[in-house]
PDB file of N, CA and C in Angstrom:
ATOM      1  N   HIS A   1     114.561  77.720  92.092  1.00  0.00           N
ATOM      2  CA  HIS A   1     115.264  78.902  91.622  1.00  0.00           C
ATOM      3  C   HIS A   1     114.275  79.753  90.828  1.00  0.00           C
ATOM      4  N   ALA A   2     114.050  80.964  91.251  1.00  0.00           N
ATOM      5  CA  ALA A   2     112.982  81.777  90.676  1.00  0.00           C
ATOM      6  C   ALA A   2     113.478  82.871  89.741  1.00  0.00           C
ATOM      7  N   ALA A   3     114.719  82.812  89.310  1.00  0.00           N
ATOM      8  CA  ALA A   3     115.259  83.867  88.456  1.00  0.00           C
ATOM      9  C   ALA A   3     114.691  83.786  87.042  1.00  0.00           C
ATOM     10  N   LEU A   4     114.446  84.941  86.452  1.00  0.00           N
ATOM     11  CA  LEU A   4     113.995  85.031  85.065  1.00  0.00           C
ATOM     12  C   LEU A   4     115.058  85.751  84.252  1.00  0.00           C
ATOM     13  N   THR A   5     115.258  85.301  83.033  1.00  0.00           N
ATOM     14  CA  THR A   5     116.143  86.049  82.151  1.00  0.00           C
ATOM     15  C   THR A   5     115.357  87.206  81.551  1.00  0.00           C
ATOM     16  N   ARG A   6     116.075  88.197  81.101  1.00  0.00           N
ATOM     17  CA  ARG A   6     115.428  89.373  80.529  1.00  0.00           C
ATOM     18  C   ARG A   6     114.584  88.986  79.313  1.00  0.00           C
ATOM     19  N   SER A   7     115.100  88.098  78.463  1.00  0.00           N
ATOM     20  CA  SER A   7     114.349  87.714  77.267  1.00  0.00           C
ATOM     21  C   SER A   7     113.059  86.973  77.627  1.00  0.00           C
ATOM     22  N   THR A   8     113.089  86.168  78.691  1.00  0.00           N
ATOM     23  CA  THR A   8     111.884  85.474  79.139  1.00  0.00           C
ATOM     24  C   THR A   8     110.854  86.482  79.635  1.00  0.00           C
ATOM     25  N   LEU A   9     111.291  87.455  80.399  1.00  0.00           N
ATOM     26  CA  LEU A   9     110.383  88.465  80.930  1.00  0.00           C
ATOM     27  C   LEU A   9     109.757  89.284  79.802  1.00  0.00           C
ATOM     28  N   VAL A  10     110.564  89.686  78.828  1.00  0.00           N
ATOM     29  CA  VAL A  10     110.040  90.457  77.701  1.00  0.00           C
ATOM     30  C   VAL A  10     109.081  89.605  76.882  1.00  0.00           C
ATOM     31  N   GLY A  11     109.403  88.323  76.711  1.00  0.00           N
ATOM     32  CA  GLY A  11     108.556  87.420  75.943  1.00  0.00           C
ATOM     33  C   GLY A  11     107.191  87.189  76.559  1.00  0.00           C
ATOM     34  N   LEU A  12     107.084  87.361  77.865  1.00  0.00           N
ATOM     35  CA  LEU A  12     105.798  87.187  78.537  1.00  0.00           C
ATOM     36  C   LEU A  12     104.819  88.320  78.241  1.00  0.00           C
ATOM     37  N   GLY A  13     105.351  89.445  77.754  1.00  0.00           N
ATOM     38  CA  GLY A  13     104.482  90.586  77.462  1.00  0.00           C
ATOM     39  C   GLY A  13     103.901  91.211  78.713  1.00  0.00           C
ATOM     40  N   PHE A  14     104.601  91.082  79.829  1.00  0.00           N
ATOM     41  CA  PHE A  14     104.143  91.587  81.117  1.00  0.00           C
ATOM     42  C   PHE A  14     104.030  93.107  81.081  1.00  0.00           C
ATOM     43  N   LYS A  15     102.888  93.630  81.506  1.00  0.00           N
ATOM     44  CA  LYS A  15     102.671  95.078  81.543  1.00  0.00           C
ATOM     45  C   LYS A  15     102.523  95.524  82.985  1.00  0.00           C
ATOM     46  N   TYR A  16     103.105  96.662  83.308  1.00  0.00           N
ATOM     47  CA  TYR A  16     103.032  97.179  84.672  1.00  0.00           C
ATOM     48  C   TYR A  16     103.009  98.697  84.633  1.00  0.00           C
ATOM     49  N   ASP A  17     102.382  99.293  85.648  1.00  0.00           N
ATOM     50  CA  ASP A  17     102.350 100.747  85.734  1.00  0.00           C
ATOM     51  C   ASP A  17     102.990 101.261  87.018  1.00  0.00           C
ATOM     52  N   ASN A  18     103.388 100.363  87.904  1.00  0.00           N
ATOM     53  CA  ASN A  18     104.121 100.715  89.119  1.00  0.00           C
ATOM     54  C   ASN A  18     105.416  99.918  89.137  1.00  0.00           C
ATOM     55  N   LEU A  19     106.487 100.553  89.550  1.00  0.00           N
ATOM     56  CA  LEU A  19     107.785  99.896  89.597  1.00  0.00           C
ATOM     57  C   LEU A  19     108.387 100.142  90.978  1.00  0.00           C
ATOM     58  N   ILE A  20     108.729  99.065  91.680  1.00  0.00           N
ATOM     59  CA  ILE A  20     109.349  99.154  93.001  1.00  0.00           C
ATOM     60  C   ILE A  20     110.738  98.562  92.904  1.00  0.00           C
ATOM     61  N   MET A  21     111.735  99.340  93.272  1.00  0.00           N
ATOM     62  CA  MET A  21     113.119  98.867  93.255  1.00  0.00           C
ATOM     63  C   MET A  21     113.607  98.752  94.684  1.00  0.00           C
ATOM     64  N   GLU A  22     113.690  97.499  95.143  1.00  0.00           N
ATOM     65  CA  GLU A  22     114.139  97.231  96.505  1.00  0.00           C
ATOM     66  C   GLU A  22     115.663  97.221  96.538  1.00  0.00           C
ATOM     67  N   GLU A  23     116.225  97.565  97.687  1.00  0.00           N
ATOM     68  CA  GLU A  23     117.674  97.679  97.856  1.00  0.00           C
ATOM     69  C   GLU A  23     118.257  98.630  96.819  1.00  0.00           C
ATOM     70  N   SER A  24     117.565  99.712  96.574  1.00  0.00           N
ATOM     71  CA  SER A  24     117.991 100.634  95.521  1.00  0.00           C
ATOM     72  C   SER A  24     119.229 101.441  95.897  1.00  0.00           C
ATOM     73  N   ALA A  25     119.641 101.405  97.146  1.00  0.00           N
ATOM     74  CA  ALA A  25     120.896 102.058  97.506  1.00  0.00           C
ATOM     75  C   ALA A  25     122.081 101.330  96.887  1.00  0.00           C
ATOM     76  N   GLN A  26     121.891 100.075  96.509  1.00  0.00           N
ATOM     77  CA  GLN A  26     122.943  99.302  95.862  1.00  0.00           C
ATOM     78  C   GLN A  26     122.824  99.311  94.348  1.00  0.00           C
ATOM     79  N   ILE A  27     121.743  99.857  93.811  1.00  0.00           N
ATOM     80  CA  ILE A  27     121.522  99.866  92.366  1.00  0.00           C
ATOM     81  C   ILE A  27     122.272 101.041  91.747  1.00  0.00           C
ATOM     82  N   LEU A  28     122.962 100.757  90.667  1.00  0.00           N
ATOM     83  CA  LEU A  28     123.614 101.829  89.928  1.00  0.00           C
ATOM     84  C   LEU A  28     122.583 102.549  89.071  1.00  0.00           C
ATOM     85  N   GLU A  29     122.839 103.808  88.785  1.00  0.00           N
ATOM     86  CA  GLU A  29     121.869 104.616  88.046  1.00  0.00           C
ATOM     87  C   GLU A  29     121.497 103.978  86.713  1.00  0.00           C
ATOM     88  N   VAL A  30     122.470 103.459  85.993  1.00  0.00           N
ATOM     89  CA  VAL A  30     122.207 102.864  84.690  1.00  0.00           C
ATOM     90  C   VAL A  30     121.311 101.630  84.814  1.00  0.00           C
ATOM     91  N   GLU A  31     121.384 100.915  85.926  1.00  0.00           N
ATOM     92  CA  GLU A  31     120.561  99.723  86.128  1.00  0.00           C
ATOM     93  C   GLU A  31     119.090 100.058  86.354  1.00  0.00           C
ATOM     94  N   THR A  32     118.798 101.253  86.771  1.00  0.00           N
ATOM     95  CA  THR A  32     117.404 101.635  86.998  1.00  0.00           C
ATOM     96  C   THR A  32     116.636 101.787  85.694  1.00  0.00           C
ATOM     97  N   PHE A  33     117.345 102.032  84.597  1.00  0.00           N
ATOM     98  CA  PHE A  33     116.683 102.222  83.307  1.00  0.00           C
ATOM     99  C   PHE A  33     116.182 100.913  82.702  1.00  0.00           C
ATOM    100  N   ILE A  34     116.790  99.790  83.065  1.00  0.00           N
ATOM    101  CA  ILE A  34     116.437  98.509  82.443  1.00  0.00           C
ATOM    102  C   ILE A  34     114.963  98.166  82.637  1.00  0.00           C
ATOM    103  N   PRO A  35     114.438  98.122  83.869  1.00  0.00           N
ATOM    104  CA  PRO A  35     113.011  97.781  83.995  1.00  0.00           C
ATOM    105  C   PRO A  35     112.083  98.858  83.444  1.00  0.00           C
ATOM    106  N   MET A  36     112.569 100.086  83.371  1.00  0.00           N
ATOM    107  CA  MET A  36     111.730 101.149  82.816  1.00  0.00           C
ATOM    108  C   MET A  36     111.592 101.023  81.305  1.00  0.00           C
ATOM    109  N   LEU A  37     112.608 100.465  80.659  1.00  0.00           N
ATOM    110  CA  LEU A  37     112.596 100.376  79.202  1.00  0.00           C
ATOM    111  C   LEU A  37     112.177  99.012  78.674  1.00  0.00           C
ATOM    112  N   LEU A  38     111.953  98.038  79.550  1.00  0.00           N
ATOM    113  CA  LEU A  38     111.594  96.694  79.107  1.00  0.00           C
ATOM    114  C   LEU A  38     110.189  96.595  78.536  1.00  0.00           C
ATOM    115  N   GLN A  39     109.327  97.495  78.901  1.00  0.00           N
ATOM    116  CA  GLN A  39     107.946  97.406  78.439  1.00  0.00           C
ATOM    117  C   GLN A  39     107.722  98.273  77.199  1.00  0.00           C
ATOM    118  N   ASN A  40     106.766  97.873  76.393  1.00  0.00           N
ATOM    119  CA  ASN A  40     106.394  98.659  75.222  1.00  0.00           C
ATOM    120  C   ASN A  40     105.467  99.788  75.656  1.00  0.00           C
ATOM    121  N   ALA A  41     105.624 100.920  75.029  1.00  0.00           N
ATOM    122  CA  ALA A  41     104.786 102.071  75.356  1.00  0.00           C
ATOM    123  C   ALA A  41     103.383 101.879  74.792  1.00  0.00           C
ATOM    124  N   ASP A  42     102.393 102.416  75.478  1.00  0.00           N
ATOM    125  CA  ASP A  42     101.019 102.423  74.993  1.00  0.00           C
ATOM    126  C   ASP A  42     100.741 103.769  74.340  1.00  0.00           C
ATOM    127  N   ARG A  43     100.389 103.737  73.067  1.00  0.00           N
ATOM    128  CA  ARG A  43     100.109 104.976  72.312  1.00  0.00           C
ATOM    129  C   ARG A  43     101.247 105.976  72.418  1.00  0.00           C
ATOM    130  N   GLY A  44     102.472 105.483  72.380  1.00  0.00           N
ATOM    131  CA  GLY A  44     103.642 106.360  72.378  1.00  0.00           C
ATOM    132  C   GLY A  44     104.035 106.900  73.739  1.00  0.00           C
ATOM    133  N   MET A  45     103.356 106.498  74.800  1.00  0.00           N
ATOM    134  CA  MET A  45     103.674 107.001  76.135  1.00  0.00           C
ATOM    135  C   MET A  45     103.977 105.831  77.065  1.00  0.00           C
ATOM    136  N   SER A  46     104.829 106.076  78.036  1.00  0.00           N
ATOM    137  CA  SER A  46     105.157 105.054  79.020  1.00  0.00           C
ATOM    138  C   SER A  46     103.949 104.766  79.900  1.00  0.00           C
ATOM    139  N   ARG A  47     103.805 103.496  80.276  1.00  0.00           N
ATOM    140  CA  ARG A  47     102.708 103.109  81.167  1.00  0.00           C
ATOM    141  C   ARG A  47     102.993 103.480  82.620  1.00  0.00           C
ATOM    142  N   LEU A  48     104.250 103.763  82.955  1.00  0.00           N
ATOM    143  CA  LEU A  48     104.627 103.979  84.356  1.00  0.00           C
ATOM    144  C   LEU A  48     103.935 105.202  84.943  1.00  0.00           C
ATOM    145  N   LYS A  49     103.334 104.995  86.099  1.00  0.00           N
ATOM    146  CA  LYS A  49     102.722 106.086  86.848  1.00  0.00           C
ATOM    147  C   LYS A  49     103.532 106.402  88.097  1.00  0.00           C
ATOM    148  N   ARG A  50     104.170 105.366  88.661  1.00  0.00           N
ATOM    149  CA  ARG A  50     104.948 105.529  89.885  1.00  0.00           C
ATOM    150  C   ARG A  50     106.226 104.695  89.808  1.00  0.00           C
ATOM    151  N   VAL A  51     107.314 105.276  90.285  1.00  0.00           N
ATOM    152  CA  VAL A  51     108.567 104.544  90.471  1.00  0.00           C
ATOM    153  C   VAL A  51     108.985 104.782  91.914  1.00  0.00           C
ATOM    154  N   MET A  52     109.142 103.700  92.677  1.00  0.00           N
ATOM    155  CA  MET A  52     109.486 103.811  94.097  1.00  0.00           C
ATOM    156  C   MET A  52     110.843 103.172  94.344  1.00  0.00           C
ATOM    157  N   PHE A  53     111.710 103.905  95.014  1.00  0.00           N
ATOM    158  CA  PHE A  53     113.022 103.397  95.387  1.00  0.00           C
ATOM    159  C   PHE A  53     113.023 103.138  96.884  1.00  0.00           C
ATOM    160  N   ILE A  54     113.364 101.913  97.270  1.00  0.00           N
ATOM    161  CA  ILE A  54     113.394 101.530  98.674  1.00  0.00           C
ATOM    162  C   ILE A  54     114.792 101.002  98.978  1.00  0.00           C
ATOM    163  N   GLY A  55     115.397 101.513 100.018  1.00  0.00           N
ATOM    164  CA  GLY A  55     116.727 101.026 100.378  1.00  0.00           C
ATOM    165  C   GLY A  55     117.339 101.865 101.477  1.00  0.00           C
ATOM    166  N   ASP A  56     118.422 101.384 102.019  1.00  0.00           N
ATOM    167  CA  ASP A  56     119.128 102.061 103.104  1.00  0.00           C
ATOM    168  C   ASP A  56     120.586 102.243 102.686  1.00  0.00           C
ATOM    169  N   HIS A  57     120.968 103.480 102.404  1.00  0.00           N
ATOM    170  CA  HIS A  57     122.321 103.747 101.927  1.00  0.00           C
ATOM    171  C   HIS A  57     123.373 103.568 103.023  1.00  0.00           C
ATOM    172  N   HIS A  58     122.958 103.358 104.257  1.00  0.00           N
ATOM    173  CA  HIS A  58     123.910 103.125 105.341  1.00  0.00           C
ATOM    174  C   HIS A  58     124.271 101.648 105.479  1.00  0.00           C
ATOM    175  N   GLN A  59     123.560 100.760 104.797  1.00  0.00           N
ATOM    176  CA  GLN A  59     123.857  99.336 104.896  1.00  0.00           C
ATOM    177  C   GLN A  59     124.985  98.929 103.966  1.00  0.00           C
ATOM    178  N   LEU A  60     124.724  98.899 102.685  1.00  0.00           N
ATOM    179  CA  LEU A  60     125.715  98.439 101.713  1.00  0.00           C
ATOM    180  C   LEU A  60     125.775  99.393 100.524  1.00  0.00           C
ATOM    181  N   PRO A  61     126.986  99.736 100.071  1.00  0.00           N
ATOM    182  CA  PRO A  61     127.124 100.596  98.889  1.00  0.00           C
ATOM    183  C   PRO A  61     126.980  99.761  97.613  1.00  0.00           C
ATOM    184  N   PRO A  62     126.876 100.416  96.445  1.00  0.00           N
ATOM    185  CA  PRO A  62     126.843  99.678  95.183  1.00  0.00           C
ATOM    186  C   PRO A  62     128.128  98.874  94.998  1.00  0.00           C
ATOM    187  N   VAL A  63     128.026  97.758  94.336  1.00  0.00           N
ATOM    188  CA  VAL A  63     129.181  96.899  94.089  1.00  0.00           C
ATOM    189  C   VAL A  63     129.684  97.158  92.674  1.00  0.00           C
ATOM    190  N   VAL A  64     130.921  97.647  92.574  1.00  0.00           N
ATOM    191  CA  VAL A  64     131.556  97.884  91.278  1.00  0.00           C
ATOM    192  C   VAL A  64     132.812  97.028  91.245  1.00  0.00           C
ATOM    193  N   LYS A  65     132.855  96.057  90.339  1.00  0.00           N
ATOM    194  CA  LYS A  65     133.966  95.107  90.300  1.00  0.00           C
ATOM    195  C   LYS A  65     135.150  95.601  89.474  1.00  0.00           C
ATOM    196  N   ASN A  66     134.912  96.456  88.497  1.00  0.00           N
ATOM    197  CA  ASN A  66     135.970  96.948  87.627  1.00  0.00           C
ATOM    198  C   ASN A  66     136.740  98.056  88.332  1.00  0.00           C
ATOM    199  N   ARG A  67     138.043  97.864  88.507  1.00  0.00           N
ATOM    200  CA  ARG A  67     138.852  98.851  89.255  1.00  0.00           C
ATOM    201  C   ARG A  67     138.927 100.206  88.565  1.00  0.00           C
ATOM    202  N   ALA A  68     138.975 100.232  87.249  1.00  0.00           N
ATOM    203  CA  ALA A  68     139.013 101.507  86.531  1.00  0.00           C
ATOM    204  C   ALA A  68     137.724 102.291  86.750  1.00  0.00           C
ATOM    205  N   PHE A  69     136.594 101.588  86.703  1.00  0.00           N
ATOM    206  CA  PHE A  69     135.326 102.262  86.970  1.00  0.00           C
ATOM    207  C   PHE A  69     135.247 102.737  88.412  1.00  0.00           C
ATOM    208  N   GLN A  70     135.797 101.967  89.345  1.00  0.00           N
ATOM    209  CA  GLN A  70     135.806 102.375  90.748  1.00  0.00           C
ATOM    210  C   GLN A  70     136.573 103.679  90.912  1.00  0.00           C
ATOM    211  N   LYS A  71     137.712 103.759  90.241  1.00  0.00           N
ATOM    212  CA  LYS A  71     138.604 104.906  90.436  1.00  0.00           C
ATOM    213  C   LYS A  71     138.184 106.138  89.639  1.00  0.00           C
ATOM    214  N   TYR A  72     137.816 105.946  88.369  1.00  0.00           N
ATOM    215  CA  TYR A  72     137.591 107.091  87.489  1.00  0.00           C
ATOM    216  C   TYR A  72     136.129 107.339  87.126  1.00  0.00           C
ATOM    217  N   GLY A  73     135.293 106.335  87.202  1.00  0.00           N
ATOM    218  CA  GLY A  73     133.921 106.474  86.728  1.00  0.00           C
ATOM    219  C   GLY A  73     132.919 106.917  87.767  1.00  0.00           C
ATOM    220  N   ARG A  74     133.308 106.907  89.043  1.00  0.00           N
ATOM    221  CA  ARG A  74     132.408 107.244  90.146  1.00  0.00           C
ATOM    222  C   ARG A  74     131.129 106.419  90.085  1.00  0.00           C
ATOM    223  N   LEU A  75     131.233 105.191  89.571  1.00  0.00           N
ATOM    224  CA  LEU A  75     130.078 104.314  89.500  1.00  0.00           C
ATOM    225  C   LEU A  75     129.742 103.697  90.849  1.00  0.00           C
ATOM    226  N   ASP A  76     130.583 103.952  91.853  1.00  0.00           N
ATOM    227  CA  ASP A  76     130.265 103.458  93.192  1.00  0.00           C
ATOM    228  C   ASP A  76     129.310 104.405  93.920  1.00  0.00           C
ATOM    229  N   GLN A  77     128.933 105.499  93.286  1.00  0.00           N
ATOM    230  CA  GLN A  77     127.996 106.449  93.870  1.00  0.00           C
ATOM    231  C   GLN A  77     126.574 105.921  93.721  1.00  0.00           C
ATOM    232  N   SER A  78     125.885 105.702  94.824  1.00  0.00           N
ATOM    233  CA  SER A  78     124.512 105.184  94.738  1.00  0.00           C
ATOM    234  C   SER A  78     123.554 106.316  94.390  1.00  0.00           C
ATOM    235  N   LEU A  79     122.299 105.958  94.176  1.00  0.00           N
ATOM    236  CA  LEU A  79     121.281 106.963  93.873  1.00  0.00           C
ATOM    237  C   LEU A  79     120.995 107.876  95.062  1.00  0.00           C
ATOM    238  N   TYR A  80     121.368 107.425  96.250  1.00  0.00           N
ATOM    239  CA  TYR A  80     121.143 108.225  97.447  1.00  0.00           C
ATOM    240  C   TYR A  80     122.328 109.096  97.685  1.00  0.00           C
TER     241      TYR A  80
END
């Protein structure tokens, strides 16, 4: 099982300047901010140089389990 918890990832001090989000047609907009904000800035600026979204919006839509959010929040709208 290769899953990492967020606290483990932050504790590793991992630094990156490229971010690839696979299956991003299923990612909610708010979820895209998590990996962007997990790293500490260098000299007050983000290290990110590139953010790439890869996915097919014709395959699967975002999964929203809360019925109120489905109906009123439009959280089922993907980034595409």
